[in-house]
Amino acid sequence: MAINVVIHSPQEEKRVMKVTVKGLLPIDYDFDLNVRESLNGDFLIFDHSDIDIVILKQQKKIVAFAKDLMTEVVYGAEARLFDHLRKKGIIVYDSIQGGNIYGSMEGSIISSKEYDIYEASVIMIAEWIGKEKPMMDDARDYDDMLNDHFANPDDTETTELGEVPHEEEKGSMAQKGMFAPYVYGRYTY
């Protein structure tokens, strides 16, 4: 089966990486991922809105890091990722644990003599991100709608104030002449 992985770079045109996985049935996988390769060959995947995923080749691990803040949303995304990878046979079941960096989660990749474990990992992560994409798109659309609602409200939700004259005192509470018990040196509760 052949898998086409498209790697986008802002400076150059699209590059295509051909991935071949041996199997019983030929299946073509076609997906786009925002993947970068580090200097030591690790894959850095930035497609998810809440987490960044790193495939550490030397340590044979997959690690997920919180993008901004560690919240229950981030933990949920990390748990769903590693549950998916565990069910697909990529991660050792009992190796899933919290990482040594706050808010990270990691798991060891299962060794294989027949398959390229890193290619299989990228494929399964792309499959998981494809499942998460509708949820991420809905959350982004909701945030955009809410921001637009606050920045540009309807005419029914706004008022025309016009010129507001300056006054010495505004509001219903008088600032001068109020009795304050602390003025006399003691608090009275």
N, C-alpha and C. Protein backbone atom coordinates (compact mmCIF):
# COMPACT_ATOMS: atom_id res chain seq x y z
N MET A 1 0.85 -1.16 0.00
CA MET A 1 0.00 0.00 0.00
C MET A 1 0.89 1.22 0.00
N ALA A 2 0.49 2.25 -0.70
CA ALA A 2 1.27 3.47 -0.80
C ALA A 2 0.58 4.59 -0.06
N ILE A 3 1.36 5.41 0.60
CA ILE A 3 0.83 6.54 1.36
C ILE A 3 1.56 7.78 0.91
N ASN A 4 0.80 8.80 0.55
CA ASN A 4 1.38 10.07 0.16
C ASN A 4 1.26 11.04 1.33
N VAL A 5 2.38 11.52 1.79
CA VAL A 5 2.41 12.49 2.88
C VAL A 5 2.89 13.80 2.27
N VAL A 6 2.09 14.85 2.40
CA VAL A 6 2.44 16.14 1.85
C VAL A 6 3.02 17.00 2.97
N ILE A 7 4.23 17.49 2.76
CA ILE A 7 4.88 18.34 3.75
C ILE A 7 4.91 19.75 3.18
N HIS A 8 4.23 20.69 3.88
CA HIS A 8 4.17 22.06 3.42
C HIS A 8 5.27 22.87 4.07
N SER A 9 5.88 23.72 3.31
CA SER A 9 6.88 24.63 3.84
C SER A 9 6.51 26.03 3.40
N PRO A 10 6.60 27.03 4.28
CA PRO A 10 6.20 28.37 3.87
C PRO A 10 7.12 28.98 2.82
N GLN A 11 8.37 28.55 2.76
CA GLN A 11 9.31 29.14 1.82
C GLN A 11 9.29 28.46 0.45
N GLU A 12 8.94 27.21 0.39
CA GLU A 12 9.01 26.49 -0.87
C GLU A 12 7.67 25.85 -1.20
N GLU A 13 7.58 25.30 -2.37
CA GLU A 13 6.35 24.66 -2.80
C GLU A 13 6.14 23.36 -2.05
N LYS A 14 4.99 22.74 -2.26
CA LYS A 14 4.68 21.50 -1.56
C LYS A 14 5.65 20.39 -1.98
N ARG A 15 6.13 19.66 -0.96
CA ARG A 15 6.96 18.49 -1.21
C ARG A 15 6.13 17.26 -0.87
N VAL A 16 6.31 16.20 -1.60
CA VAL A 16 5.56 14.98 -1.37
C VAL A 16 6.52 13.90 -0.89
N MET A 17 6.20 13.28 0.23
CA MET A 17 7.00 12.19 0.76
C MET A 17 6.21 10.91 0.53
N LYS A 18 6.79 9.97 -0.13
CA LYS A 18 6.13 8.71 -0.43
C LYS A 18 6.43 7.71 0.67
N VAL A 19 5.41 7.16 1.28
CA VAL A 19 5.55 6.20 2.35
C VAL A 19 4.95 4.88 1.87
N THR A 20 5.70 3.80 1.99
CA THR A 20 5.22 2.50 1.57
C THR A 20 5.12 1.60 2.79
N VAL A 21 3.96 1.01 3.00
CA VAL A 21 3.74 0.10 4.12
C VAL A 21 3.31 -1.23 3.54
N LYS A 22 3.98 -2.31 3.95
CA LYS A 22 3.63 -3.64 3.47
C LYS A 22 2.39 -4.13 4.20
N GLY A 23 1.53 -4.79 3.48
CA GLY A 23 0.31 -5.29 4.10
C GLY A 23 -0.40 -6.26 3.17
N LEU A 24 -1.50 -6.82 3.66
CA LEU A 24 -2.25 -7.77 2.86
C LEU A 24 -3.07 -7.08 1.78
N LEU A 25 -3.70 -5.97 2.12
CA LEU A 25 -4.54 -5.25 1.17
C LEU A 25 -3.90 -3.92 0.83
N PRO A 26 -3.80 -3.61 -0.47
CA PRO A 26 -3.25 -2.30 -0.81
C PRO A 26 -4.27 -1.19 -0.54
N ILE A 27 -3.91 -0.28 0.34
CA ILE A 27 -4.77 0.85 0.69
C ILE A 27 -3.96 2.12 0.49
N ASP A 28 -4.55 3.10 -0.18
CA ASP A 28 -3.88 4.38 -0.36
C ASP A 28 -4.36 5.34 0.71
N TYR A 29 -3.42 5.91 1.46
CA TYR A 29 -3.73 6.92 2.46
C TYR A 29 -3.31 8.26 1.88
N ASP A 30 -4.20 9.23 1.97
CA ASP A 30 -3.90 10.57 1.49
C ASP A 30 -4.30 11.54 2.60
N PHE A 31 -3.34 12.25 3.16
CA PHE A 31 -3.62 13.18 4.25
C PHE A 31 -2.60 14.31 4.24
N ASP A 32 -3.00 15.42 4.82
CA ASP A 32 -2.11 16.58 4.97
C ASP A 32 -1.84 16.77 6.45
N LEU A 33 -0.57 16.91 6.80
CA LEU A 33 -0.18 17.18 8.17
C LEU A 33 0.82 18.32 8.19
N ASN A 34 0.75 19.11 9.24
CA ASN A 34 1.74 20.16 9.47
C ASN A 34 2.87 19.52 10.27
N VAL A 35 3.82 18.88 9.55
CA VAL A 35 4.92 18.13 10.16
C VAL A 35 6.23 18.81 9.84
N ARG A 36 7.06 18.90 10.87
CA ARG A 36 8.43 19.38 10.67
C ARG A 36 9.37 18.31 11.19
N GLU A 37 10.57 18.30 10.64
CA GLU A 37 11.58 17.37 11.11
C GLU A 37 12.65 18.15 11.84
N SER A 38 12.97 17.72 13.06
CA SER A 38 13.98 18.42 13.84
C SER A 38 15.38 18.04 13.35
N LEU A 39 16.39 18.66 13.91
CA LEU A 39 17.77 18.39 13.49
C LEU A 39 18.19 16.95 13.73
N ASN A 40 17.65 16.33 14.76
CA ASN A 40 18.01 14.93 15.04
C ASN A 40 17.08 13.93 14.38
N GLY A 41 16.12 14.39 13.58
CA GLY A 41 15.25 13.50 12.82
C GLY A 41 13.89 13.25 13.44
N ASP A 42 13.61 13.83 14.61
CA ASP A 42 12.29 13.67 15.23
C ASP A 42 11.23 14.38 14.41
N PHE A 43 10.01 13.85 14.43
CA PHE A 43 8.89 14.47 13.74
C PHE A 43 8.10 15.33 14.73
N LEU A 44 7.80 16.57 14.34
CA LEU A 44 7.03 17.50 15.15
C LEU A 44 5.72 17.77 14.42
N ILE A 45 4.59 17.43 15.04
CA ILE A 45 3.29 17.56 14.40
C ILE A 45 2.50 18.63 15.13
N PHE A 46 2.04 19.66 14.39
CA PHE A 46 1.41 20.83 14.99
C PHE A 46 -0.05 21.02 14.55
N ASP A 47 -0.72 19.99 14.05
CA ASP A 47 -2.05 20.15 13.48
C ASP A 47 -3.17 20.31 14.50
N HIS A 48 -3.01 19.78 15.69
CA HIS A 48 -4.08 19.84 16.68
C HIS A 48 -4.11 21.21 17.33
N SER A 49 -5.31 21.67 17.69
CA SER A 49 -5.44 23.01 18.26
C SER A 49 -5.04 23.08 19.73
N ASP A 50 -5.02 21.95 20.44
CA ASP A 50 -4.72 21.96 21.87
C ASP A 50 -3.35 21.37 22.21
N ILE A 51 -2.84 20.45 21.39
CA ILE A 51 -1.58 19.77 21.72
C ILE A 51 -0.65 19.75 20.52
N ASP A 52 0.65 19.64 20.82
CA ASP A 52 1.68 19.37 19.83
C ASP A 52 2.16 17.95 20.06
N ILE A 53 2.42 17.22 18.98
CA ILE A 53 2.81 15.82 19.08
C ILE A 53 4.22 15.67 18.52
N VAL A 54 5.07 14.96 19.25
CA VAL A 54 6.46 14.75 18.83
C VAL A 54 6.71 13.25 18.80
N ILE A 55 7.27 12.77 17.70
CA ILE A 55 7.71 11.38 17.59
C ILE A 55 9.21 11.39 17.79
N LEU A 56 9.65 10.87 18.94
CA LEU A 56 11.07 10.83 19.29
C LEU A 56 11.65 9.52 18.76
N LYS A 57 12.46 9.61 17.71
CA LYS A 57 12.97 8.40 17.06
C LYS A 57 14.02 7.69 17.91
N GLN A 58 14.92 8.42 18.51
CA GLN A 58 16.00 7.77 19.27
C GLN A 58 15.46 7.03 20.49
N GLN A 59 14.44 7.57 21.13
CA GLN A 59 13.89 6.94 22.33
C GLN A 59 12.69 6.05 22.03
N LYS A 60 12.24 6.02 20.77
CA LYS A 60 11.08 5.23 20.35
C LYS A 60 9.86 5.59 21.19
N LYS A 61 9.55 6.90 21.25
CA LYS A 61 8.43 7.38 22.04
C LYS A 61 7.61 8.37 21.24
N ILE A 62 6.36 8.51 21.63
CA ILE A 62 5.50 9.58 21.15
C ILE A 62 5.13 10.41 22.37
N VAL A 63 5.31 11.73 22.26
CA VAL A 63 5.04 12.63 23.38
C VAL A 63 4.08 13.71 22.89
N ALA A 64 3.09 14.03 23.72
CA ALA A 64 2.15 15.11 23.42
C ALA A 64 2.34 16.20 24.46
N PHE A 65 2.46 17.45 23.99
CA PHE A 65 2.66 18.61 24.85
C PHE A 65 1.47 19.55 24.73
N ALA A 66 1.15 20.24 25.81
CA ALA A 66 0.09 21.25 25.77
C ALA A 66 0.59 22.44 24.96
N LYS A 67 -0.25 22.97 24.07
CA LYS A 67 0.14 24.13 23.26
C LYS A 67 0.28 25.38 24.10
N ASP A 68 -0.76 25.75 24.84
CA ASP A 68 -0.74 26.98 25.61
C ASP A 68 -0.81 26.70 27.10
N LEU A 69 -1.95 26.33 27.57
CA LEU A 69 -2.18 26.09 28.98
C LEU A 69 -2.62 24.66 29.21
N MET A 70 -2.23 24.12 30.34
CA MET A 70 -2.67 22.77 30.69
C MET A 70 -4.05 22.85 31.32
N THR A 71 -5.04 22.32 30.63
CA THR A 71 -6.41 22.30 31.12
C THR A 71 -6.98 20.89 30.96
N GLU A 72 -8.21 20.72 31.40
CA GLU A 72 -8.85 19.41 31.22
C GLU A 72 -9.09 19.13 29.74
N VAL A 73 -9.19 20.16 28.92
CA VAL A 73 -9.35 19.98 27.48
C VAL A 73 -8.08 19.36 26.89
N VAL A 74 -6.94 19.86 27.32
CA VAL A 74 -5.65 19.34 26.84
C VAL A 74 -5.48 17.90 27.30
N TYR A 75 -5.75 17.64 28.56
CA TYR A 75 -5.62 16.27 29.06
C TYR A 75 -6.56 15.33 28.30
N GLY A 76 -7.77 15.78 28.00
CA GLY A 76 -8.70 14.96 27.24
C GLY A 76 -8.17 14.64 25.85
N ALA A 77 -7.58 15.63 25.19
CA ALA A 77 -7.02 15.40 23.86
C ALA A 77 -5.86 14.41 23.92
N GLU A 78 -4.98 14.58 24.92
CA GLU A 78 -3.86 13.65 25.06
C GLU A 78 -4.35 12.24 25.35
N ALA A 79 -5.34 12.12 26.22
CA ALA A 79 -5.88 10.80 26.55
C ALA A 79 -6.52 10.14 25.32
N ARG A 80 -7.26 10.93 24.52
CA ARG A 80 -7.87 10.37 23.30
C ARG A 80 -6.81 9.94 22.30
N LEU A 81 -5.74 10.72 22.17
CA LEU A 81 -4.65 10.37 21.24
C LEU A 81 -4.02 9.04 21.64
N PHE A 82 -3.62 8.92 22.88
CA PHE A 82 -2.92 7.71 23.29
C PHE A 82 -3.86 6.51 23.37
N ASP A 83 -5.13 6.72 23.62
CA ASP A 83 -6.09 5.64 23.56
C ASP A 83 -6.22 5.14 22.13
N HIS A 84 -6.27 6.06 21.17
CA HIS A 84 -6.34 5.69 19.76
C HIS A 84 -5.08 4.91 19.34
N LEU A 85 -3.90 5.43 19.72
CA LEU A 85 -2.65 4.77 19.35
C LEU A 85 -2.53 3.39 20.01
N ARG A 86 -3.03 3.28 21.23
CA ARG A 86 -3.00 1.98 21.93
C ARG A 86 -3.90 0.97 21.22
N LYS A 87 -5.11 1.42 20.83
CA LYS A 87 -6.05 0.51 20.16
C LYS A 87 -5.55 0.10 18.78
N LYS A 88 -4.78 0.96 18.12
CA LYS A 88 -4.26 0.65 16.78
C LYS A 88 -2.96 -0.14 16.83
N GLY A 89 -2.44 -0.42 18.04
CA GLY A 89 -1.24 -1.24 18.15
C GLY A 89 0.06 -0.49 17.92
N ILE A 90 0.08 0.79 18.16
CA ILE A 90 1.28 1.60 17.96
C ILE A 90 2.04 1.77 19.28
N ILE A 91 1.30 1.94 20.37
CA ILE A 91 1.88 2.24 21.68
C ILE A 91 1.77 1.02 22.59
N VAL A 92 2.83 0.78 23.37
CA VAL A 92 2.79 -0.26 24.38
C VAL A 92 1.75 0.15 25.44
N TYR A 93 0.84 -0.76 25.77
CA TYR A 93 -0.29 -0.43 26.62
C TYR A 93 0.13 0.15 27.97
N ASP A 94 1.09 -0.47 28.63
CA ASP A 94 1.44 -0.04 29.98
C ASP A 94 2.53 1.03 30.02
N SER A 95 2.87 1.60 28.87
CA SER A 95 3.91 2.64 28.85
C SER A 95 3.32 4.05 28.84
N ILE A 96 2.01 4.18 28.74
CA ILE A 96 1.38 5.49 28.68
C ILE A 96 1.44 6.12 30.07
N GLN A 97 2.05 7.30 30.14
CA GLN A 97 2.24 7.96 31.43
C GLN A 97 2.43 9.45 31.22
N GLY A 98 2.40 10.19 32.31
CA GLY A 98 2.71 11.61 32.26
C GLY A 98 4.19 11.79 32.00
N GLY A 99 4.53 12.80 31.21
CA GLY A 99 5.93 13.05 30.89
C GLY A 99 6.62 13.87 31.97
N ASN A 100 7.91 14.11 31.76
CA ASN A 100 8.68 14.87 32.74
C ASN A 100 8.51 16.37 32.56
N ILE A 101 7.76 16.80 31.58
CA ILE A 101 7.43 18.21 31.37
C ILE A 101 5.96 18.39 31.75
N TYR A 102 5.67 19.47 32.47
CA TYR A 102 4.31 19.71 32.96
C TYR A 102 3.30 19.70 31.82
N GLY A 103 2.27 18.90 31.97
CA GLY A 103 1.20 18.85 30.99
C GLY A 103 1.48 17.93 29.82
N SER A 104 2.55 17.16 29.84
CA SER A 104 2.85 16.27 28.72
C SER A 104 2.44 14.84 29.06
N MET A 105 2.25 14.05 28.00
CA MET A 105 1.92 12.64 28.15
C MET A 105 2.73 11.89 27.11
N GLU A 106 3.22 10.71 27.45
CA GLU A 106 4.09 9.97 26.54
C GLU A 106 3.76 8.49 26.56
N GLY A 107 4.24 7.81 25.51
CA GLY A 107 4.09 6.37 25.42
C GLY A 107 5.16 5.80 24.52
N SER A 108 5.58 4.58 24.79
CA SER A 108 6.64 3.92 24.00
C SER A 108 6.03 3.24 22.78
N ILE A 109 6.73 3.34 21.66
CA ILE A 109 6.28 2.73 20.41
C ILE A 109 6.67 1.25 20.41
N ILE A 110 5.76 0.40 19.96
CA ILE A 110 6.02 -1.03 19.88
C ILE A 110 7.04 -1.29 18.77
N SER A 111 8.03 -2.13 19.02
CA SER A 111 9.03 -2.48 18.01
C SER A 111 8.44 -3.46 17.00
N SER A 112 8.93 -3.37 15.76
CA SER A 112 8.45 -4.26 14.70
C SER A 112 9.58 -4.50 13.71
N LYS A 113 9.72 -5.76 13.29
CA LYS A 113 10.72 -6.10 12.27
C LYS A 113 10.11 -6.02 10.87
N GLU A 114 8.80 -6.07 10.80
CA GLU A 114 8.11 -6.11 9.51
C GLU A 114 7.74 -4.73 8.98
N TYR A 115 7.39 -3.79 9.88
CA TYR A 115 6.89 -2.48 9.48
C TYR A 115 7.83 -1.39 9.97
N ASP A 116 7.78 -0.26 9.30
CA ASP A 116 8.48 0.93 9.77
C ASP A 116 7.60 1.58 10.83
N ILE A 117 8.05 1.57 12.07
CA ILE A 117 7.21 2.01 13.18
C ILE A 117 6.92 3.51 13.13
N TYR A 118 7.83 4.29 12.54
CA TYR A 118 7.62 5.74 12.49
C TYR A 118 6.61 6.12 11.42
N GLU A 119 6.64 5.42 10.29
CA GLU A 119 5.65 5.66 9.25
C GLU A 119 4.26 5.27 9.75
N ALA A 120 4.18 4.12 10.42
CA ALA A 120 2.89 3.68 10.96
C ALA A 120 2.38 4.66 12.01
N SER A 121 3.30 5.22 12.81
CA SER A 121 2.90 6.19 13.83
C SER A 121 2.35 7.45 13.19
N VAL A 122 3.00 7.94 12.14
CA VAL A 122 2.52 9.15 11.45
C VAL A 122 1.15 8.89 10.84
N ILE A 123 0.95 7.72 10.27
CA ILE A 123 -0.33 7.38 9.65
C ILE A 123 -1.45 7.36 10.71
N MET A 124 -1.20 6.73 11.83
CA MET A 124 -2.23 6.64 12.87
C MET A 124 -2.49 7.99 13.53
N ILE A 125 -1.47 8.83 13.67
CA ILE A 125 -1.68 10.17 14.22
C ILE A 125 -2.50 11.00 13.22
N ALA A 126 -2.22 10.86 11.92
CA ALA A 126 -3.00 11.57 10.91
C ALA A 126 -4.45 11.10 10.92
N GLU A 127 -4.67 9.82 11.12
CA GLU A 127 -6.04 9.29 11.20
C GLU A 127 -6.77 9.89 12.41
N TRP A 128 -6.07 9.97 13.55
CA TRP A 128 -6.68 10.55 14.76
C TRP A 128 -6.98 12.02 14.58
N ILE A 129 -6.07 12.76 13.98
CA ILE A 129 -6.29 14.20 13.75
C ILE A 129 -7.47 14.39 12.80
N GLY A 130 -7.62 13.49 11.82
CA GLY A 130 -8.78 13.55 10.93
C GLY A 130 -10.09 13.38 11.69
N LYS A 131 -10.08 12.51 12.71
CA LYS A 131 -11.28 12.33 13.53
C LYS A 131 -11.54 13.55 14.42
N GLU A 132 -10.48 14.21 14.86
CA GLU A 132 -10.61 15.37 15.75
C GLU A 132 -10.93 16.66 14.99
N LYS A 133 -10.69 16.69 13.69
CA LYS A 133 -10.82 17.92 12.91
C LYS A 133 -12.22 18.54 12.99
N PRO A 134 -13.31 17.78 12.87
CA PRO A 134 -14.63 18.43 12.99
C PRO A 134 -14.83 19.13 14.33
N MET A 135 -14.37 18.53 15.41
CA MET A 135 -14.51 19.14 16.72
C MET A 135 -13.66 20.42 16.82
N MET A 136 -12.45 20.39 16.28
CA MET A 136 -11.59 21.58 16.32
C MET A 136 -12.17 22.69 15.46
N ASP A 137 -12.73 22.33 14.31
CA ASP A 137 -13.34 23.33 13.43
C ASP A 137 -14.57 23.97 14.09
N ASP A 138 -15.38 23.15 14.77
CA ASP A 138 -16.56 23.69 15.46
C ASP A 138 -16.16 24.65 16.57
N ALA A 139 -15.14 24.31 17.33
CA ALA A 139 -14.68 25.18 18.42
C ALA A 139 -14.13 26.50 17.87
N ARG A 140 -13.38 26.42 16.77
CA ARG A 140 -12.84 27.64 16.15
C ARG A 140 -13.97 28.50 15.58
N ASP A 141 -14.95 27.88 14.92
CA ASP A 141 -16.08 28.63 14.37
C ASP A 141 -16.89 29.30 15.48
N TYR A 142 -17.08 28.61 16.59
CA TYR A 142 -17.81 29.19 17.72
C TYR A 142 -17.06 30.39 18.28
N ASP A 143 -15.74 30.28 18.45
CA ASP A 143 -14.94 31.40 18.95
C ASP A 143 -15.01 32.59 17.99
N ASP A 144 -14.94 32.32 16.69
CA ASP A 144 -15.05 33.39 15.69
C ASP A 144 -16.41 34.06 15.76
N MET A 145 -17.48 33.25 15.89
CA MET A 145 -18.83 33.80 15.97
C MET A 145 -18.99 34.66 17.23
N LEU A 146 -18.45 34.19 18.35
CA LEU A 146 -18.56 34.94 19.60
C LEU A 146 -17.78 36.25 19.53
N ASN A 147 -16.58 36.21 18.98
CA ASN A 147 -15.79 37.43 18.81
C ASN A 147 -16.49 38.42 17.89
N ASP A 148 -17.07 37.92 16.82
CA ASP A 148 -17.79 38.80 15.89
C ASP A 148 -19.04 39.38 16.57
N HIS A 149 -19.69 38.59 17.40
CA HIS A 149 -20.89 39.07 18.11
C HIS A 149 -20.53 40.21 19.06
N PHE A 150 -19.40 40.11 19.77
CA PHE A 150 -19.01 41.17 20.70
C PHE A 150 -18.43 42.38 19.97
N ALA A 151 -17.71 42.16 18.89
CA ALA A 151 -17.09 43.27 18.17
C ALA A 151 -18.10 44.02 17.29
N ASN A 152 -19.05 43.32 16.72
CA ASN A 152 -20.04 43.93 15.83
C ASN A 152 -21.44 43.47 16.22
N PRO A 153 -22.00 43.97 17.32
CA PRO A 153 -23.33 43.51 17.75
C PRO A 153 -24.42 44.01 16.81
N ASP A 154 -25.56 43.33 16.87
CA ASP A 154 -26.72 43.74 16.07
C ASP A 154 -27.25 45.07 16.57
N ASP A 155 -28.03 45.74 15.72
CA ASP A 155 -28.64 47.02 16.11
C ASP A 155 -29.63 46.84 17.26
N THR A 156 -30.24 45.66 17.39
CA THR A 156 -31.20 45.44 18.47
C THR A 156 -30.51 45.34 19.83
N GLU A 157 -29.22 45.10 19.85
CA GLU A 157 -28.49 44.93 21.11
C GLU A 157 -27.61 46.13 21.45
N THR A 158 -27.75 47.22 20.75
CA THR A 158 -26.94 48.39 21.01
C THR A 158 -27.83 49.60 21.25
N THR A 159 -27.26 50.64 21.84
CA THR A 159 -27.96 51.90 22.04
C THR A 159 -27.08 53.03 21.56
N GLU A 160 -27.71 54.12 21.17
CA GLU A 160 -26.98 55.31 20.79
C GLU A 160 -26.93 56.24 21.99
N LEU A 161 -25.78 56.44 22.56
CA LEU A 161 -25.67 57.29 23.73
C LEU A 161 -25.57 58.76 23.37
N GLY A 162 -24.97 59.05 22.27
CA GLY A 162 -24.80 60.45 21.89
C GLY A 162 -23.81 61.13 22.81
N GLU A 163 -24.01 62.43 23.05
CA GLU A 163 -23.12 63.20 23.93
C GLU A 163 -23.50 62.97 25.37
N VAL A 164 -22.55 62.56 26.18
CA VAL A 164 -22.77 62.38 27.61
C VAL A 164 -22.06 63.53 28.31
N PRO A 165 -22.82 64.45 28.93
CA PRO A 165 -22.18 65.61 29.56
C PRO A 165 -21.44 65.20 30.82
N HIS A 166 -20.38 65.93 31.11
CA HIS A 166 -19.59 65.67 32.31
C HIS A 166 -20.28 66.31 33.50
N GLU A 167 -20.35 65.54 34.58
CA GLU A 167 -20.94 66.07 35.80
C GLU A 167 -19.95 65.89 36.94
N GLU A 168 -20.14 66.68 37.99
CA GLU A 168 -19.26 66.58 39.16
C GLU A 168 -19.40 65.22 39.81
N GLU A 169 -20.63 64.78 40.04
CA GLU A 169 -20.89 63.48 40.63
C GLU A 169 -21.83 62.71 39.72
N LYS A 170 -21.54 61.43 39.54
CA LYS A 170 -22.40 60.58 38.73
C LYS A 170 -22.79 59.36 39.55
N GLY A 171 -23.88 58.76 39.23
CA GLY A 171 -24.32 57.57 39.91
C GLY A 171 -25.28 57.87 41.04
N SER A 172 -25.72 56.81 41.72
CA SER A 172 -26.73 56.97 42.76
C SER A 172 -26.14 57.02 44.17
N MET A 173 -24.84 56.69 44.32
CA MET A 173 -24.24 56.71 45.65
C MET A 173 -23.44 57.99 45.83
N ALA A 174 -23.72 58.70 46.91
CA ALA A 174 -23.00 59.95 47.19
C ALA A 174 -21.62 59.62 47.72
N GLN A 175 -20.60 60.29 47.20
CA GLN A 175 -19.24 60.03 47.61
C GLN A 175 -18.85 60.88 48.82
N LYS A 176 -19.49 61.99 49.02
CA LYS A 176 -19.15 62.88 50.13
C LYS A 176 -20.22 62.77 51.20
N GLY A 177 -19.79 62.89 52.47
CA GLY A 177 -20.74 62.90 53.57
C GLY A 177 -21.18 61.53 54.00
N MET A 178 -20.53 60.47 53.53
CA MET A 178 -20.91 59.12 53.96
C MET A 178 -20.26 58.81 55.30
N PHE A 179 -20.98 58.12 56.16
CA PHE A 179 -20.43 57.71 57.45
C PHE A 179 -19.51 56.52 57.23
N ALA A 180 -18.27 56.62 57.72
CA ALA A 180 -17.33 55.53 57.59
C ALA A 180 -16.77 55.21 58.97
N PRO A 181 -17.06 54.04 59.52
CA PRO A 181 -16.60 53.72 60.87
C PRO A 181 -15.08 53.68 60.99
N TYR A 182 -14.39 53.37 59.94
CA TYR A 182 -12.93 53.27 60.04
C TYR A 182 -12.27 54.65 60.17
N VAL A 183 -13.02 55.70 59.94
CA VAL A 183 -12.47 57.04 60.11
C VAL A 183 -12.15 57.29 61.58
N TYR A 184 -12.91 56.67 62.49
CA TYR A 184 -12.75 56.90 63.92
C TYR A 184 -11.69 55.98 64.54
N GLY A 185 -10.95 55.26 63.75
CA GLY A 185 -9.84 54.48 64.27
C GLY A 185 -10.14 53.03 64.55
N ARG A 186 -11.38 52.59 64.43
CA ARG A 186 -11.71 51.18 64.67
C ARG A 186 -12.67 50.70 63.62
N TYR A 187 -12.52 49.42 63.38
CA TYR A 187 -13.49 48.78 62.50
C TYR A 187 -14.64 48.29 63.38
N THR A 188 -15.83 48.46 62.93
CA THR A 188 -16.98 47.96 63.67
C THR A 188 -17.70 46.96 62.78
N TYR A 189 -17.64 45.74 63.19
CA TYR A 189 -18.27 44.69 62.38
C TYR A 189 -19.50 44.20 63.06
